[in-house]
Amino acid sequence: MPLQSVPLDHAYRLLNHGPTVLLSSAHGERRNIMAAAWNMPLDFDPPKVAVVIDRSTLTRELVEASREFVLAVPSRDLAVQTLSAGTRSGREGDKFDALALDTLPASLVAPPLPAGCIGWLECRVIDEPHIQRTYDLFLGEVVAAWADPEVYSDGRWHFPSERQRSIHYVAGGHFFATGEAFAVDAGRQA
């Protein structure tokens, strides 16, 4: 079987299948929201996550000042707002207002929960100055987690409609939605 060569500047696209998230930040009277495709879980107990936040963004400024952030999982219903949150700057005005995104109060951190999402993680920054400066990588301890019970219950996602599936950014304004779930019995072919 011949293999397809992938340019190295696109190599990340082979692994970037996790859900794109909206990252909410706040400090003082300022707040912001950005899209983040480069994020991942790191640990179970205590739960930890990692997310890349570019040093030139307002989000980075607010996260560094507050030491808190929210990762929210948007559904296909929020794809337009998610793409827009990732392509415009919060320095030009309040992106929540510009994107007509309502918010819910978080329980333990200052940044708001973007309404309309299907999952939310309230996080506090774990100080790792070297990786923050060198790689723009922030680690966070998850201090509270929430999900829409219509799409998440009994420890599993179940998507009653196509519009409620999580979205995954693959570049150039293109997403794909979470596919069909299936179970595998150990020792059997899927």
C-alpha atoms as a PDB file:
ATOM      1  CA  MET A   1       0.000   0.000   0.000  1.00  0.00           C
ATOM      2  CA  PRO A   2       1.523   3.366  -0.966  1.00  0.00           C
ATOM      3  CA  LEU A   3       1.602   5.945   1.822  1.00  0.00           C
ATOM      4  CA  GLN A   4       0.621   9.591   1.480  1.00  0.00           C
ATOM      5  CA  SER A   5       3.387  12.017   2.429  1.00  0.00           C
ATOM      6  CA  VAL A   6       2.280  14.755   4.828  1.00  0.00           C
ATOM      7  CA  PRO A   7       4.167  18.085   4.955  1.00  0.00           C
ATOM      8  CA  LEU A   8       5.769  18.482   8.379  1.00  0.00           C
ATOM      9  CA  ASP A   9       3.978  21.786   8.975  1.00  0.00           C
ATOM     10  CA  HIS A  10       0.725  19.788   8.731  1.00  0.00           C
ATOM     11  CA  ALA A  11       1.852  16.789  10.822  1.00  0.00           C
ATOM     12  CA  TYR A  12      -0.200  18.010  13.806  1.00  0.00           C
ATOM     13  CA  ARG A  13      -3.362  17.434  11.755  1.00  0.00           C
ATOM     14  CA  LEU A  14      -2.815  13.674  12.007  1.00  0.00           C
ATOM     15  CA  LEU A  15      -3.209  13.827  15.800  1.00  0.00           C
ATOM     16  CA  ASN A  16      -5.521  16.777  16.300  1.00  0.00           C
ATOM     17  CA  HIS A  17      -8.763  14.813  16.673  1.00  0.00           C
ATOM     18  CA  GLY A  18      -9.745  15.902  20.176  1.00  0.00           C
ATOM     19  CA  PRO A  19     -12.612  18.333  20.538  1.00  0.00           C
ATOM     20  CA  THR A  20     -11.957  21.967  19.854  1.00  0.00           C
ATOM     21  CA  VAL A  21     -12.713  23.915  23.017  1.00  0.00           C
ATOM     22  CA  LEU A  22     -13.614  27.448  23.857  1.00  0.00           C
ATOM     23  CA  LEU A  23     -11.260  28.888  26.467  1.00  0.00           C
ATOM     24  CA  SER A  24     -12.863  31.509  28.682  1.00  0.00           C
ATOM     25  CA  SER A  25     -10.707  33.903  30.697  1.00  0.00           C
ATOM     26  CA  ALA A  26     -11.332  36.858  32.983  1.00  0.00           C
ATOM     27  CA  HIS A  27      -9.455  39.241  35.244  1.00  0.00           C
ATOM     28  CA  GLY A  28     -10.934  42.295  36.912  1.00  0.00           C
ATOM     29  CA  GLU A  29     -13.531  43.783  34.589  1.00  0.00           C
ATOM     30  CA  ARG A  30     -12.065  42.187  31.447  1.00  0.00           C
ATOM     31  CA  ARG A  31     -13.083  38.880  29.925  1.00  0.00           C
ATOM     32  CA  ASN A  32     -12.309  37.027  26.735  1.00  0.00           C
ATOM     33  CA  ILE A  33     -12.968  33.831  24.863  1.00  0.00           C
ATOM     34  CA  MET A  34     -10.845  32.023  22.277  1.00  0.00           C
ATOM     35  CA  ALA A  35     -10.974  28.733  20.409  1.00  0.00           C
ATOM     36  CA  ALA A  36      -8.293  26.172  21.239  1.00  0.00           C
ATOM     37  CA  ALA A  37      -7.792  23.050  19.153  1.00  0.00           C
ATOM     38  CA  TRP A  38      -4.547  22.134  20.940  1.00  0.00           C
ATOM     39  CA  ASN A  39      -5.725  20.806  24.292  1.00  0.00           C
ATOM     40  CA  MET A  40      -5.696  17.491  26.109  1.00  0.00           C
ATOM     41  CA  PRO A  41      -6.340  15.745  29.421  1.00  0.00           C
ATOM     42  CA  LEU A  42      -3.215  14.920  31.445  1.00  0.00           C
ATOM     43  CA  ASP A  43      -4.149  13.122  34.634  1.00  0.00           C
ATOM     44  CA  PHE A  44      -6.990  11.615  36.648  1.00  0.00           C
ATOM     45  CA  ASP A  45      -6.338  12.460  40.295  1.00  0.00           C
ATOM     46  CA  PRO A  46      -6.233  15.357  40.588  1.00  0.00           C
ATOM     47  CA  PRO A  47      -7.565  15.895  37.086  1.00  0.00           C
ATOM     48  CA  LYS A  48      -5.300  18.037  34.928  1.00  0.00           C
ATOM     49  CA  VAL A  49      -5.430  19.448  31.408  1.00  0.00           C
ATOM     50  CA  ALA A  50      -3.017  21.127  29.015  1.00  0.00           C
ATOM     51  CA  VAL A  51      -3.808  23.866  26.520  1.00  0.00           C
ATOM     52  CA  VAL A  52      -1.736  26.056  24.215  1.00  0.00           C
ATOM     53  CA  ILE A  53      -2.315  29.809  24.648  1.00  0.00           C
ATOM     54  CA  ASP A  54      -0.276  32.021  22.329  1.00  0.00           C
ATOM     55  CA  ARG A  55       1.758  34.712  24.095  1.00  0.00           C
ATOM     56  CA  SER A  56       0.354  37.514  21.919  1.00  0.00           C
ATOM     57  CA  THR A  57      -3.294  37.016  22.916  1.00  0.00           C
ATOM     58  CA  LEU A  58      -5.516  38.850  25.357  1.00  0.00           C
ATOM     59  CA  THR A  59      -6.519  35.429  26.689  1.00  0.00           C
ATOM     60  CA  ARG A  60      -2.903  34.758  27.689  1.00  0.00           C
ATOM     61  CA  GLU A  61      -2.728  38.117  29.465  1.00  0.00           C
ATOM     62  CA  LEU A  62      -5.918  37.402  31.419  1.00  0.00           C
ATOM     63  CA  VAL A  63      -4.953  33.809  32.298  1.00  0.00           C
ATOM     64  CA  GLU A  64      -1.521  34.898  33.517  1.00  0.00           C
ATOM     65  CA  ALA A  65      -3.124  37.610  35.677  1.00  0.00           C
ATOM     66  CA  SER A  66      -5.965  35.512  37.134  1.00  0.00           C
ATOM     67  CA  ARG A  67      -4.304  32.046  37.144  1.00  0.00           C
ATOM     68  CA  GLU A  68      -7.690  30.584  36.070  1.00  0.00           C
ATOM     69  CA  PHE A  69      -9.511  29.546  32.905  1.00  0.00           C
ATOM     70  CA  VAL A  70     -12.511  27.560  31.693  1.00  0.00           C
ATOM     71  CA  LEU A  71     -12.389  24.986  28.898  1.00  0.00           C
ATOM     72  CA  ALA A  72     -15.822  24.545  27.313  1.00  0.00           C
ATOM     73  CA  VAL A  73     -16.783  21.921  24.718  1.00  0.00           C
ATOM     74  CA  PRO A  74     -18.917  23.501  21.989  1.00  0.00           C
ATOM     75  CA  SER A  75     -21.275  21.483  19.835  1.00  0.00           C
ATOM     76  CA  ARG A  76     -21.876  21.754  16.117  1.00  0.00           C
ATOM     77  CA  ASP A  77     -24.522  24.358  16.936  1.00  0.00           C
ATOM     78  CA  LEU A  78     -21.682  26.701  17.997  1.00  0.00           C
ATOM     79  CA  ALA A  79     -19.303  26.029  15.074  1.00  0.00           C
ATOM     80  CA  VAL A  80     -19.674  29.524  13.590  1.00  0.00           C
ATOM     81  CA  GLN A  81     -19.012  31.218  16.949  1.00  0.00           C
ATOM     82  CA  THR A  82     -16.111  28.833  17.648  1.00  0.00           C
ATOM     83  CA  LEU A  83     -14.400  29.623  14.352  1.00  0.00           C
ATOM     84  CA  SER A  84     -14.981  33.342  14.908  1.00  0.00           C
ATOM     85  CA  ALA A  85     -13.639  33.150  18.485  1.00  0.00           C
ATOM     86  CA  GLY A  86     -10.451  31.694  17.032  1.00  0.00           C
ATOM     87  CA  THR A  87     -10.009  34.275  14.279  1.00  0.00           C
ATOM     88  CA  ARG A  88     -10.733  37.634  15.935  1.00  0.00           C
ATOM     89  CA  SER A  89      -8.926  39.393  18.741  1.00  0.00           C
ATOM     90  CA  GLY A  90     -10.437  40.210  22.102  1.00  0.00           C
ATOM     91  CA  ARG A  91      -8.426  43.420  22.053  1.00  0.00           C
ATOM     92  CA  GLU A  92     -11.000  44.769  19.567  1.00  0.00           C
ATOM     93  CA  GLY A  93     -13.856  44.425  22.061  1.00  0.00           C
ATOM     94  CA  ASP A  94     -15.734  41.887  24.156  1.00  0.00           C
ATOM     95  CA  LYS A  95     -15.925  38.721  22.047  1.00  0.00           C
ATOM     96  CA  PHE A  96     -18.737  37.273  24.157  1.00  0.00           C
ATOM     97  CA  ASP A  97     -20.875  40.253  23.113  1.00  0.00           C
ATOM     98  CA  ALA A  98     -19.614  40.252  19.513  1.00  0.00           C
ATOM     99  CA  LEU A  99     -20.426  36.538  19.138  1.00  0.00           C
ATOM    100  CA  ALA A 100     -23.759  36.810  20.999  1.00  0.00           C
ATOM    101  CA  LEU A 101     -22.559  34.186  23.490  1.00  0.00           C
ATOM    102  CA  ASP A 102     -24.452  34.185  26.757  1.00  0.00           C
ATOM    103  CA  THR A 103     -22.638  33.049  29.887  1.00  0.00           C
ATOM    104  CA  LEU A 104     -23.313  31.136  33.064  1.00  0.00           C
ATOM    105  CA  PRO A 105     -21.407  31.797  36.288  1.00  0.00           C
ATOM    106  CA  ALA A 106     -18.656  29.325  37.121  1.00  0.00           C
ATOM    107  CA  SER A 107     -18.726  27.780  40.588  1.00  0.00           C
ATOM    108  CA  LEU A 108     -15.057  28.103  41.629  1.00  0.00           C
ATOM    109  CA  VAL A 109     -13.270  30.375  39.125  1.00  0.00           C
ATOM    110  CA  ALA A 110     -13.865  33.894  37.789  1.00  0.00           C
ATOM    111  CA  PRO A 111     -14.059  33.185  34.016  1.00  0.00           C
ATOM    112  CA  PRO A 112     -17.644  32.549  32.884  1.00  0.00           C
ATOM    113  CA  LEU A 113     -19.008  29.349  31.373  1.00  0.00           C
ATOM    114  CA  PRO A 114     -20.009  29.969  27.729  1.00  0.00           C
ATOM    115  CA  ALA A 115     -23.686  29.025  27.429  1.00  0.00           C
ATOM    116  CA  GLY A 116     -24.761  26.537  24.777  1.00  0.00           C
ATOM    117  CA  CYS A 117     -21.742  24.262  25.204  1.00  0.00           C
ATOM    118  CA  ILE A 118     -22.055  20.585  26.132  1.00  0.00           C
ATOM    119  CA  GLY A 119     -19.255  20.383  28.724  1.00  0.00           C
ATOM    120  CA  TRP A 120     -17.219  22.724  30.928  1.00  0.00           C
ATOM    121  CA  LEU A 121     -14.013  22.385  32.974  1.00  0.00           C
ATOM    122  CA  GLU A 122     -13.167  25.049  35.550  1.00  0.00           C
ATOM    123  CA  CYS A 123      -9.372  25.170  35.888  1.00  0.00           C
ATOM    124  CA  ARG A 124      -6.646  26.762  37.991  1.00  0.00           C
ATOM    125  CA  VAL A 125      -3.209  27.229  36.446  1.00  0.00           C
ATOM    126  CA  ILE A 126      -0.445  24.915  37.614  1.00  0.00           C
ATOM    127  CA  ASP A 127       2.703  27.026  37.543  1.00  0.00           C
ATOM    128  CA  GLU A 128       5.190  25.712  34.988  1.00  0.00           C
ATOM    129  CA  PRO A 129       6.937  28.924  33.847  1.00  0.00           C
ATOM    130  CA  HIS A 130       9.430  27.157  31.559  1.00  0.00           C
ATOM    131  CA  ILE A 131       6.832  25.395  29.404  1.00  0.00           C
ATOM    132  CA  GLN A 132       4.581  28.459  29.423  1.00  0.00           C
ATOM    133  CA  ARG A 133       7.407  30.673  28.095  1.00  0.00           C
ATOM    134  CA  THR A 134       9.000  28.126  25.778  1.00  0.00           C
ATOM    135  CA  TYR A 135       5.982  26.291  24.352  1.00  0.00           C
ATOM    136  CA  ASP A 136       2.969  28.514  25.234  1.00  0.00           C
ATOM    137  CA  LEU A 137       1.672  25.421  27.079  1.00  0.00           C
ATOM    138  CA  PHE A 138      -0.458  25.916  30.175  1.00  0.00           C
ATOM    139  CA  LEU A 139      -1.335  23.179  32.630  1.00  0.00           C
ATOM    140  CA  GLY A 140      -4.475  23.449  34.679  1.00  0.00           C
ATOM    141  CA  GLU A 141      -5.946  21.530  37.560  1.00  0.00           C
ATOM    142  CA  VAL A 142      -9.626  20.878  36.981  1.00  0.00           C
ATOM    143  CA  VAL A 143     -11.479  22.084  40.081  1.00  0.00           C
ATOM    144  CA  ALA A 144     -15.050  21.630  38.787  1.00  0.00           C
ATOM    145  CA  ALA A 145     -16.575  19.858  35.781  1.00  0.00           C
ATOM    146  CA  TRP A 146     -20.046  20.139  34.279  1.00  0.00           C
ATOM    147  CA  ALA A 147     -21.917  18.578  31.352  1.00  0.00           C
ATOM    148  CA  ASP A 148     -25.242  18.957  29.596  1.00  0.00           C
ATOM    149  CA  PRO A 149     -27.205  15.896  30.812  1.00  0.00           C
ATOM    150  CA  GLU A 150     -28.944  15.660  27.456  1.00  0.00           C
ATOM    151  CA  VAL A 151     -25.652  14.620  25.824  1.00  0.00           C
ATOM    152  CA  TYR A 152     -23.584  13.273  28.757  1.00  0.00           C
ATOM    153  CA  SER A 153     -24.715  10.843  31.446  1.00  0.00           C
ATOM    154  CA  ASP A 154     -23.529   7.642  33.107  1.00  0.00           C
ATOM    155  CA  GLY A 155     -19.934   8.647  32.288  1.00  0.00           C
ATOM    156  CA  ARG A 156     -20.491   8.678  28.509  1.00  0.00           C
ATOM    157  CA  TRP A 157     -21.316  11.005  25.663  1.00  0.00           C
ATOM    158  CA  HIS A 158     -24.492  10.193  23.754  1.00  0.00           C
ATOM    159  CA  PHE A 159     -25.552  12.601  21.066  1.00  0.00           C
ATOM    160  CA  PRO A 160     -29.320  12.667  20.503  1.00  0.00           C
ATOM    161  CA  SER A 161     -28.911  14.877  17.438  1.00  0.00           C
ATOM    162  CA  GLU A 162     -26.188  15.654  14.888  1.00  0.00           C
ATOM    163  CA  ARG A 163     -26.223  19.324  15.993  1.00  0.00           C
ATOM    164  CA  GLN A 164     -25.199  18.337  19.535  1.00  0.00           C
ATOM    165  CA  ARG A 165     -21.992  16.469  18.575  1.00  0.00           C
ATOM    166  CA  SER A 166     -18.651  17.925  19.653  1.00  0.00           C
ATOM    167  CA  ILE A 167     -16.598  19.548  16.915  1.00  0.00           C
ATOM    168  CA  HIS A 168     -12.980  18.997  15.941  1.00  0.00           C
ATOM    169  CA  TYR A 169     -10.970  21.576  14.012  1.00  0.00           C
ATOM    170  CA  VAL A 170      -8.786  20.304  11.177  1.00  0.00           C
ATOM    171  CA  ALA A 171      -7.628  23.667   9.706  1.00  0.00           C
ATOM    172  CA  GLY A 172      -8.718  26.142   7.060  1.00  0.00           C
ATOM    173  CA  GLY A 173     -12.189  26.667   8.542  1.00  0.00           C
ATOM    174  CA  HIS A 174     -12.963  22.928   8.401  1.00  0.00           C
ATOM    175  CA  PHE A 175     -14.301  20.861  11.279  1.00  0.00           C
ATOM    176  CA  PHE A 176     -15.624  17.374  11.652  1.00  0.00           C
ATOM    177  CA  ALA A 177     -18.155  16.247  14.233  1.00  0.00           C
ATOM    178  CA  THR A 178     -17.762  13.356  16.643  1.00  0.00           C
ATOM    179  CA  GLY A 179     -18.801  10.185  14.886  1.00  0.00           C
ATOM    180  CA  GLU A 180     -20.902   7.234  15.828  1.00  0.00           C
ATOM    181  CA  ALA A 181     -20.072   5.519  19.108  1.00  0.00           C
ATOM    182  CA  PHE A 182     -19.408   1.792  19.214  1.00  0.00           C
ATOM    183  CA  ALA A 183     -18.265  -0.711  21.813  1.00  0.00           C
ATOM    184  CA  VAL A 184     -15.544  -3.303  21.410  1.00  0.00           C
ATOM    185  CA  ASP A 185     -15.355  -6.620  23.218  1.00  0.00           C
ATOM    186  CA  ALA A 186     -11.721  -7.504  24.053  1.00  0.00           C
ATOM    187  CA  GLY A 187     -10.447 -10.209  21.764  1.00  0.00           C
ATOM    188  CA  ARG A 188     -12.974  -9.512  19.019  1.00  0.00           C
ATOM    189  CA  GLN A 189     -12.558  -7.549  15.847  1.00  0.00           C
ATOM    190  CA  ALA A 190     -14.386  -4.184  15.748  1.00  0.00           C
END
